[in-house]
Amino acid sequence: MGRVIFHIDLNAFFANAEILLNPSLANKPIAVAGSTRRSVVSTCSYEARAYGIHSAMSIQEAKKRCKDLIIVQSHHEYYEELSNKFISYIKKFTDNVEQVSIDECYANMSEAIKKYKYPLDLAWQIQKELLQLYGLKCSIGVAPNKFLAKMASDMKKPMGITVLRISEVPTKLWPLDIKEMRGIGQKTLPYVKALGINTIGDLANYQDINQLKMIFGKNTEILLAKAHGKDNDEIINNAVAKSMGHSVTLLEDINDYQEIKGIFNSLSRSLANKLHEAKMAGNIISITVKYYDFKSIVRSKKIDRYIYKQSDIFEHAIELFDSVYNDIPIRLLGVSVQDIKNIDSLNIQLNIFEENDYQNDIKMVVKQLNDQLKLGGKLVLAKDFKKVQKNEN
């Protein structure tokens, strides 16, 4: 038997948590709003979604669509408590768990399902017990890899269980709108649509590879493979991967792509300095994105070599961010390198020319910061950048 990957996604998590705190809200259209001045929807119940209400919509517009909409303030400490219970419960079945946001995770259940007469019995048990023990509703995707598991969990909500086999890709995956495909971010979507690619099947069967490479670059083959249901990404256990990282909490929420890119460049430089001084390198890159409403996501990828240079860290961090870029205001960005090891043990030699380039490159970074990075409406000098850093791993 090959790999069996579960993607477990808590349904309307923030809204469901508020119902657990106040059961009188059950079966009513509710919207959870952050405490920012923007007054927009963080998330909403399925009853509210039936009116076309969605996250990032203004409260004013949401109320126009549903006059009976109930607005509730968020309780993030409670959300974190429930999230911890959720992950701890999943780890009862396997240690190979990757949490990718407060309300979703991947789990390698290849060994765990052998204890059950029917493989789906485990999925039914997880869904049933999460609801009974903690009041948490979830959808579960079951597939041979992470990509298909994620796509499967989105197919039936709420409380759905979907199996997606590679043999079923043409009938279940290809008809979906291309915007539903993980890895196609908002930044690239217009260019993809301009090629006449409207469904995942259109991408899978697109003949002009050179046109695709103009959009996706070296990720073209990876995305085409995923469109055919193939994905070699490993589950990365966040808890055990030794790491170094840097993060920054912004003075103002931002959604401008060029500003975000500038911040990732600076974070990558700071992290490269840290790795360089410690003579460490790693082969897993992770980014953390925290939005205006405090909802966070983590995206990770394993690389086929150990890296420590700024250019490598930045390149992979931006690739990860591009896959999730959605124009929603961001309040925190972070980059980390995981599974780090001493360079000497990896037989990596620091090249003298590379080290010189490493130092001489500083002027370019200062220029990039002052050209691209605006925090609080002011240009930030490199020497002042650390003043806005709130967190360091």
Protein backbone atom coordinates (compact mmCIF):
# COMPACT_ATOMS: atom_id res chain seq x y z
CA MET A 1 0.00 0.00 0.00
CA GLY A 2 1.29 3.48 -0.86
CA ARG A 3 1.02 6.64 1.20
CA VAL A 4 -2.33 7.57 2.71
CA ILE A 5 -2.49 11.28 3.51
CA PHE A 6 -5.33 12.96 5.37
CA HIS A 7 -5.98 16.68 5.09
CA ILE A 8 -8.20 17.64 8.03
CA ASP A 9 -9.87 21.04 7.79
CA LEU A 10 -11.99 22.45 10.61
CA ASN A 11 -15.18 23.91 9.15
CA ALA A 12 -15.88 27.63 9.67
CA PHE A 13 -13.56 27.36 12.66
CA PHE A 14 -13.78 30.84 14.19
CA ALA A 15 -17.55 30.96 13.75
CA ASN A 16 -17.94 27.46 15.18
CA ALA A 17 -15.78 28.41 18.18
CA GLU A 18 -18.04 31.38 18.88
CA ILE A 19 -21.06 29.06 18.80
CA LEU A 20 -19.34 26.82 21.34
CA LEU A 21 -18.93 29.86 23.59
CA ASN A 22 -22.51 30.96 23.00
CA PRO A 23 -24.78 28.07 21.88
CA SER A 24 -27.66 30.49 21.20
CA LEU A 25 -25.81 31.45 18.00
CA ALA A 26 -26.24 27.97 16.52
CA ASN A 27 -27.97 27.77 13.11
CA LYS A 28 -27.92 31.56 12.75
CA PRO A 29 -26.09 33.77 10.25
CA ILE A 30 -23.10 35.09 12.20
CA ALA A 31 -19.92 36.89 11.19
CA VAL A 32 -16.77 37.11 13.26
CA ALA A 33 -15.14 40.52 12.98
CA GLY A 34 -11.63 41.48 13.97
CA SER A 35 -10.97 44.47 16.18
CA THR A 36 -9.33 46.53 13.42
CA ARG A 37 -10.60 49.80 12.10
CA ARG A 38 -11.38 48.17 8.78
CA SER A 39 -14.49 46.45 10.18
CA VAL A 40 -14.46 43.49 7.84
CA VAL A 41 -15.54 39.87 8.18
CA SER A 42 -12.88 37.51 9.51
CA THR A 43 -15.03 34.45 8.87
CA CYS A 44 -18.70 33.55 8.99
CA SER A 45 -21.06 30.64 9.56
CA TYR A 46 -22.42 28.59 6.67
CA GLU A 47 -25.81 30.18 7.27
CA ALA A 48 -24.21 33.57 6.55
CA ARG A 49 -22.34 32.21 3.54
CA ALA A 50 -25.67 31.30 2.00
CA TYR A 51 -26.21 35.06 1.57
CA GLY A 52 -22.92 35.46 -0.30
CA ILE A 53 -21.02 36.75 2.73
CA HIS A 54 -17.34 35.84 2.87
CA SER A 55 -14.11 36.73 4.66
CA ALA A 56 -12.61 40.17 3.95
CA MET A 57 -16.04 41.56 3.04
CA SER A 58 -16.90 44.85 4.75
CA ILE A 59 -19.36 44.59 7.61
CA GLN A 60 -21.49 47.21 5.89
CA GLU A 61 -21.78 45.10 2.74
CA ALA A 62 -22.40 41.95 4.78
CA LYS A 63 -25.30 43.59 6.61
CA LYS A 64 -26.79 44.69 3.30
CA ARG A 65 -26.82 41.09 2.16
CA CYS A 66 -28.30 39.75 5.40
CA LYS A 67 -30.28 42.11 7.62
CA ASP A 68 -30.36 39.48 10.40
CA LEU A 69 -26.59 39.00 10.42
CA ILE A 70 -25.15 38.74 13.94
CA ILE A 71 -21.70 40.31 14.40
CA VAL A 72 -19.49 38.82 17.12
CA GLN A 73 -16.04 39.86 18.29
CA SER A 74 -13.23 37.35 18.00
CA HIS A 75 -11.71 35.44 20.95
CA HIS A 76 -8.28 34.42 19.68
CA GLU A 77 -6.99 32.85 22.89
CA TYR A 78 -9.94 30.46 22.81
CA TYR A 79 -9.27 29.68 19.15
CA GLU A 80 -5.66 28.81 19.99
CA GLU A 81 -6.82 26.56 22.84
CA LEU A 82 -9.16 24.65 20.54
CA SER A 83 -6.51 24.43 17.84
CA ASN A 84 -4.03 22.88 20.28
CA LYS A 85 -6.62 20.28 21.30
CA PHE A 86 -7.28 19.53 17.65
CA ILE A 87 -3.62 18.89 16.80
CA SER A 88 -3.00 16.92 20.00
CA TYR A 89 -5.93 14.68 19.13
CA ILE A 90 -4.64 14.00 15.58
CA LYS A 91 -1.22 13.11 17.01
CA LYS A 92 -2.85 10.22 18.87
CA PHE A 93 -2.88 8.41 15.52
CA THR A 94 0.44 9.50 14.01
CA ASP A 95 3.46 11.64 14.85
CA ASN A 96 3.77 12.65 11.20
CA VAL A 97 1.56 15.74 11.36
CA GLU A 98 2.06 19.09 9.65
CA GLN A 99 -0.07 21.96 10.91
CA VAL A 100 -0.46 24.53 8.15
CA SER A 101 -2.82 26.95 9.88
CA ILE A 102 -4.80 27.30 13.07
CA ASP A 103 -7.59 25.13 11.65
CA GLU A 104 -6.01 22.59 9.28
CA CYS A 105 -3.30 19.97 9.10
CA TYR A 106 -1.88 17.14 7.04
CA ALA A 107 -1.34 13.73 8.62
CA ASN A 108 0.35 10.65 7.21
CA MET A 109 -2.04 7.86 8.17
CA SER A 110 -0.33 5.10 6.13
CA GLU A 111 0.38 3.03 9.26
CA ALA A 112 -2.61 4.09 11.34
CA ILE A 113 -5.22 2.84 8.87
CA LYS A 114 -3.77 -0.69 8.99
CA LYS A 115 -5.47 -1.11 12.35
CA TYR A 116 -8.90 -0.65 10.77
CA LYS A 117 -10.92 -3.14 8.74
CA TYR A 118 -11.84 -0.41 6.26
CA PRO A 119 -9.47 2.55 5.61
CA LEU A 120 -12.24 5.14 5.79
CA ASP A 121 -13.20 3.97 9.28
CA LEU A 122 -10.35 6.09 10.66
CA ALA A 123 -11.63 9.20 8.89
CA TRP A 124 -15.14 8.60 10.25
CA GLN A 125 -13.73 8.11 13.76
CA ILE A 126 -11.73 11.35 13.62
CA GLN A 127 -14.70 13.32 12.35
CA LYS A 128 -17.05 11.82 14.94
CA GLU A 129 -14.71 12.20 17.94
CA LEU A 130 -13.62 15.76 17.14
CA LEU A 131 -17.30 16.69 17.20
CA GLN A 132 -18.11 14.71 20.34
CA LEU A 133 -15.04 15.71 22.36
CA TYR A 134 -14.57 19.34 21.34
CA GLY A 135 -17.58 20.35 19.25
CA LEU A 136 -15.33 20.78 16.21
CA LYS A 137 -16.74 20.04 12.76
CA CYS A 138 -14.30 19.04 10.04
CA SER A 139 -13.96 17.93 6.45
CA ILE A 140 -11.34 15.32 5.57
CA GLY A 141 -9.61 14.66 2.29
CA VAL A 142 -8.01 11.24 1.81
CA ALA A 143 -5.46 10.80 -0.97
CA PRO A 144 -2.02 9.43 -1.84
CA ASN A 145 -0.39 12.86 -1.55
CA LYS A 146 -0.76 16.28 0.09
CA PHE A 147 -2.03 18.11 -2.98
CA LEU A 148 -4.87 15.72 -3.70
CA ALA A 149 -5.76 15.46 0.00
CA LYS A 150 -6.12 19.24 0.23
CA MET A 151 -8.19 19.41 -2.95
CA ALA A 152 -10.37 16.55 -1.68
CA SER A 153 -11.11 18.16 1.70
CA ASP A 154 -12.46 21.24 -0.10
CA MET A 155 -14.93 19.22 -2.16
CA LYS A 156 -17.47 18.50 0.58
CA LYS A 157 -18.10 21.06 3.31
CA PRO A 158 -19.18 20.99 6.02
CA MET A 159 -18.58 17.54 7.55
CA GLY A 160 -17.51 15.83 4.36
CA ILE A 161 -15.12 12.95 3.77
CA THR A 162 -13.75 12.68 0.24
CA VAL A 163 -11.36 10.14 -1.27
CA LEU A 164 -9.44 11.33 -4.32
CA ARG A 165 -7.41 8.74 -6.17
CA ILE A 166 -5.05 9.55 -9.04
CA SER A 167 -7.30 7.50 -11.34
CA GLU A 168 -10.17 9.87 -10.45
CA VAL A 169 -8.29 13.07 -11.32
CA PRO A 170 -9.86 13.48 -14.81
CA THR A 171 -13.41 13.19 -13.47
CA LYS A 172 -13.15 14.87 -10.06
CA LEU A 173 -10.25 17.34 -10.31
CA TRP A 174 -10.08 18.52 -13.90
CA PRO A 175 -13.58 20.08 -14.03
CA LEU A 176 -12.75 22.45 -11.14
CA ASP A 177 -12.11 26.15 -11.79
CA ILE A 178 -8.39 26.86 -12.06
CA LYS A 179 -8.65 29.34 -9.17
CA GLU A 180 -9.44 26.39 -6.89
CA MET A 181 -6.05 24.78 -7.55
CA ARG A 182 -3.56 25.12 -4.73
CA GLY A 183 -0.41 26.74 -6.11
CA ILE A 184 -2.29 29.14 -8.40
CA GLY A 185 -2.22 32.40 -6.47
CA GLN A 186 -4.10 35.62 -7.10
CA LYS A 187 -0.97 37.14 -8.57
CA THR A 188 -0.73 34.59 -11.40
CA LEU A 189 -4.44 33.86 -11.92
CA PRO A 190 -5.09 36.67 -14.48
CA TYR A 191 -2.15 35.52 -16.62
CA VAL A 192 -3.36 31.93 -16.53
CA LYS A 193 -6.88 32.95 -17.50
CA ALA A 194 -5.47 35.03 -20.37
CA LEU A 195 -4.13 31.81 -21.90
CA GLY A 196 -7.63 30.36 -21.94
CA ILE A 197 -6.95 28.12 -18.96
CA ASN A 198 -10.19 28.15 -17.01
CA THR A 199 -10.16 24.72 -15.38
CA ILE A 200 -7.53 22.47 -13.84
CA GLY A 201 -8.06 20.16 -16.80
CA ASP A 202 -7.19 23.00 -19.16
CA LEU A 203 -3.87 23.38 -17.37
CA ALA A 204 -3.18 19.64 -17.30
CA ASN A 205 -3.68 19.40 -21.05
CA TYR A 206 -2.16 22.72 -22.14
CA GLN A 207 0.25 22.13 -24.99
CA ASP A 208 2.43 25.26 -25.12
CA ILE A 209 4.89 24.65 -22.27
CA ASN A 210 6.89 27.78 -23.13
CA GLN A 211 3.84 29.96 -22.49
CA LEU A 212 3.38 28.33 -19.10
CA LYS A 213 7.05 28.83 -18.24
CA MET A 214 6.64 32.56 -18.80
CA ILE A 215 4.16 32.53 -15.91
CA PHE A 216 5.39 29.79 -13.58
CA GLY A 217 9.10 29.66 -14.40
CA LYS A 218 10.87 26.64 -12.97
CA ASN A 219 7.70 25.61 -11.11
CA THR A 220 5.95 24.79 -14.39
CA GLU A 221 6.70 21.07 -14.30
CA ILE A 222 5.68 20.82 -10.63
CA LEU A 223 2.30 22.48 -11.26
CA LEU A 224 1.66 20.36 -14.34
CA ALA A 225 2.43 17.23 -12.33
CA LYS A 226 -0.02 18.33 -9.64
CA ALA A 227 -2.67 19.00 -12.26
CA HIS A 228 -2.24 15.33 -13.15
CA GLY A 229 -2.53 14.35 -9.47
CA LYS A 230 1.18 13.80 -8.81
CA ASP A 231 2.89 15.41 -5.80
CA ASN A 232 6.08 14.42 -3.99
CA ASP A 233 5.89 17.01 -1.21
CA GLU A 234 6.65 15.47 2.17
CA ILE A 235 4.77 16.12 5.38
CA ILE A 236 6.96 18.34 7.53
CA ASN A 237 6.60 17.80 11.26
CA ASN A 238 6.84 21.36 12.56
CA ALA A 239 7.48 20.23 16.12
CA VAL A 240 10.66 18.28 15.52
CA ALA A 241 12.41 20.24 12.79
CA LYS A 242 15.22 22.28 14.36
CA SER A 243 15.10 25.72 12.85
CA MET A 244 16.31 29.29 12.67
CA GLY A 245 14.02 32.08 11.59
CA HIS A 246 13.07 35.74 11.60
CA SER A 247 9.66 37.38 11.61
CA VAL A 248 8.41 40.95 11.62
CA THR A 249 5.19 42.47 12.92
CA LEU A 250 4.33 45.44 10.72
CA LEU A 251 3.40 48.87 12.00
CA GLU A 252 0.53 48.91 9.52
CA ASP A 253 -1.25 46.06 7.74
CA ILE A 254 -0.14 45.82 4.12
CA ASN A 255 -1.26 43.98 0.98
CA ASP A 256 0.99 45.53 -1.67
CA TYR A 257 2.96 42.77 -3.36
CA GLN A 258 6.12 44.81 -3.89
CA GLU A 259 6.25 45.87 -0.25
CA ILE A 260 5.73 42.27 0.83
CA LYS A 261 8.49 41.16 -1.51
CA GLY A 262 10.83 43.77 -0.01
CA ILE A 263 10.12 42.53 3.51
CA PHE A 264 10.78 38.92 2.52
CA ASN A 265 14.06 40.05 1.00
CA SER A 266 15.11 41.72 4.25
CA LEU A 267 14.00 38.78 6.38
CA SER A 268 15.95 36.43 4.13
CA ARG A 269 19.04 38.60 4.50
CA SER A 270 18.74 38.64 8.31
CA LEU A 271 18.25 34.89 8.40
CA ALA A 272 21.17 34.29 6.04
CA ASN A 273 23.39 36.37 8.33
CA LYS A 274 22.28 34.30 11.30
CA LEU A 275 22.92 30.99 9.51
CA HIS A 276 26.26 32.25 8.19
CA GLU A 277 27.47 33.20 11.67
CA ALA A 278 26.39 29.86 13.10
CA LYS A 279 27.77 27.94 10.11
CA MET A 280 24.42 26.21 9.67
CA ALA A 281 22.33 25.24 6.64
CA GLY A 282 18.89 23.69 6.24
CA ASN A 283 16.81 21.96 3.60
CA ILE A 284 13.29 23.02 4.61
CA ILE A 285 11.97 26.53 3.99
CA SER A 286 8.87 27.77 5.84
CA ILE A 287 6.97 31.04 5.73
CA THR A 288 4.41 32.34 8.20
CA VAL A 289 1.75 34.83 7.17
CA LYS A 290 -0.53 36.38 9.79
CA TYR A 291 -3.43 38.40 8.43
CA TYR A 292 -5.20 41.46 9.80
CA ASP A 293 -7.73 39.22 11.59
CA PHE A 294 -4.91 37.24 13.31
CA LYS A 295 -5.55 34.14 11.25
CA SER A 296 -2.19 32.58 10.37
CA ILE A 297 -0.99 30.17 7.74
CA VAL A 298 2.30 28.31 7.46
CA ARG A 299 3.64 26.99 4.19
CA SER A 300 6.72 24.77 3.96
CA LYS A 301 8.71 22.98 1.31
CA LYS A 302 11.58 20.54 1.41
CA ILE A 303 14.50 21.27 -0.91
CA ASP A 304 16.81 18.70 -2.44
CA ARG A 305 19.91 20.40 -1.01
CA TYR A 306 20.95 22.32 2.10
CA ILE A 307 20.95 26.11 1.75
CA TYR A 308 22.06 29.11 3.78
CA LYS A 309 22.44 31.96 1.26
CA GLN A 310 20.06 34.92 1.14
CA SER A 311 19.28 34.47 -2.54
CA ASP A 312 18.22 30.85 -2.05
CA ILE A 313 16.11 31.59 1.03
CA PHE A 314 14.41 34.53 -0.69
CA GLU A 315 13.69 32.60 -3.88
CA HIS A 316 11.94 29.74 -2.10
CA ALA A 317 10.12 32.03 0.36
CA ILE A 318 8.61 34.05 -2.48
CA GLU A 319 7.57 30.89 -4.31
CA LEU A 320 5.70 29.78 -1.21
CA PHE A 321 4.10 33.19 -0.75
CA ASP A 322 3.01 33.39 -4.39
CA SER A 323 0.97 30.23 -3.87
CA VAL A 324 -1.12 31.92 -1.15
CA TYR A 325 -1.09 35.61 -2.16
CA ASN A 326 -4.68 36.83 -2.04
CA ASP A 327 -4.50 40.60 -1.51
CA ILE A 328 -5.76 40.31 2.09
CA PRO A 329 -4.05 42.76 4.51
CA ILE A 330 -1.10 41.23 6.36
CA ARG A 331 0.24 42.14 9.80
CA LEU A 332 3.13 39.68 10.22
CA LEU A 333 5.56 37.87 7.92
CA GLY A 334 8.14 35.27 8.89
CA VAL A 335 10.72 33.06 7.23
CA SER A 336 12.54 30.07 8.72
CA VAL A 337 15.00 27.42 7.62
CA GLN A 338 14.37 24.05 9.23
CA ASP A 339 16.17 20.74 9.63
CA ILE A 340 19.35 22.75 10.06
CA LYS A 341 22.76 21.12 10.39
CA ASN A 342 26.32 22.27 10.77
CA ILE A 343 27.90 23.13 7.43
CA ASP A 344 31.02 21.13 8.26
CA SER A 345 28.97 17.97 8.79
CA LEU A 346 27.37 18.47 5.40
CA ASN A 347 30.73 18.93 3.67
CA ILE A 348 29.67 22.38 2.50
CA GLN A 349 32.59 24.77 2.07
CA LEU A 350 32.17 28.51 2.38
CA ASN A 351 33.73 29.97 -0.75
CA ILE A 352 35.96 32.99 -0.16
CA PHE A 353 34.48 34.78 -3.17
CA GLU A 354 30.99 33.96 -1.96
CA GLU A 355 31.79 35.43 1.46
CA ASN A 356 33.08 38.63 -0.14
CA ASP A 357 29.94 38.89 -2.23
CA TYR A 358 27.95 38.27 0.96
CA GLN A 359 29.46 41.36 2.58
CA ASN A 360 29.57 43.64 -0.48
CA ASP A 361 25.92 42.93 -1.13
CA ILE A 362 24.79 45.05 1.87
CA LYS A 363 24.60 48.32 -0.07
CA MET A 364 22.25 46.69 -2.56
CA VAL A 365 20.01 45.49 0.27
CA VAL A 366 19.85 48.97 1.81
CA LYS A 367 18.82 50.37 -1.55
CA GLN A 368 16.15 47.70 -1.98
CA LEU A 369 14.77 48.42 1.46
CA ASN A 370 14.56 52.14 0.84
CA ASP A 371 13.10 51.59 -2.62
CA GLN A 372 10.50 49.02 -1.62
CA LEU A 373 9.87 48.89 2.11
CA LYS A 374 7.36 51.36 3.51
CA LEU A 375 6.21 50.85 7.06
CA GLY A 376 3.96 53.34 8.73
CA GLY A 377 4.11 55.50 5.61
CA LYS A 378 7.83 56.15 5.96
CA LEU A 379 10.84 54.76 4.21
CA VAL A 380 12.87 52.55 6.52
CA LEU A 381 16.64 52.60 6.57
CA ALA A 382 18.40 49.29 6.97
CA LYS A 383 19.91 50.37 10.29
CA ASP A 384 16.41 51.08 11.62
CA PHE A 385 14.73 47.94 10.33
CA LYS A 386 15.23 45.98 13.54
CA LYS A 387 13.14 48.55 15.39
CA VAL A 388 10.01 47.11 13.78
CA GLN A 389 10.92 43.51 14.39
CA LYS A 390 8.79 42.08 17.17
CA ASN A 391 9.61 38.40 16.97
CA GLU A 392 12.69 36.31 16.32
CA ASN A 393 12.79 32.57 16.46
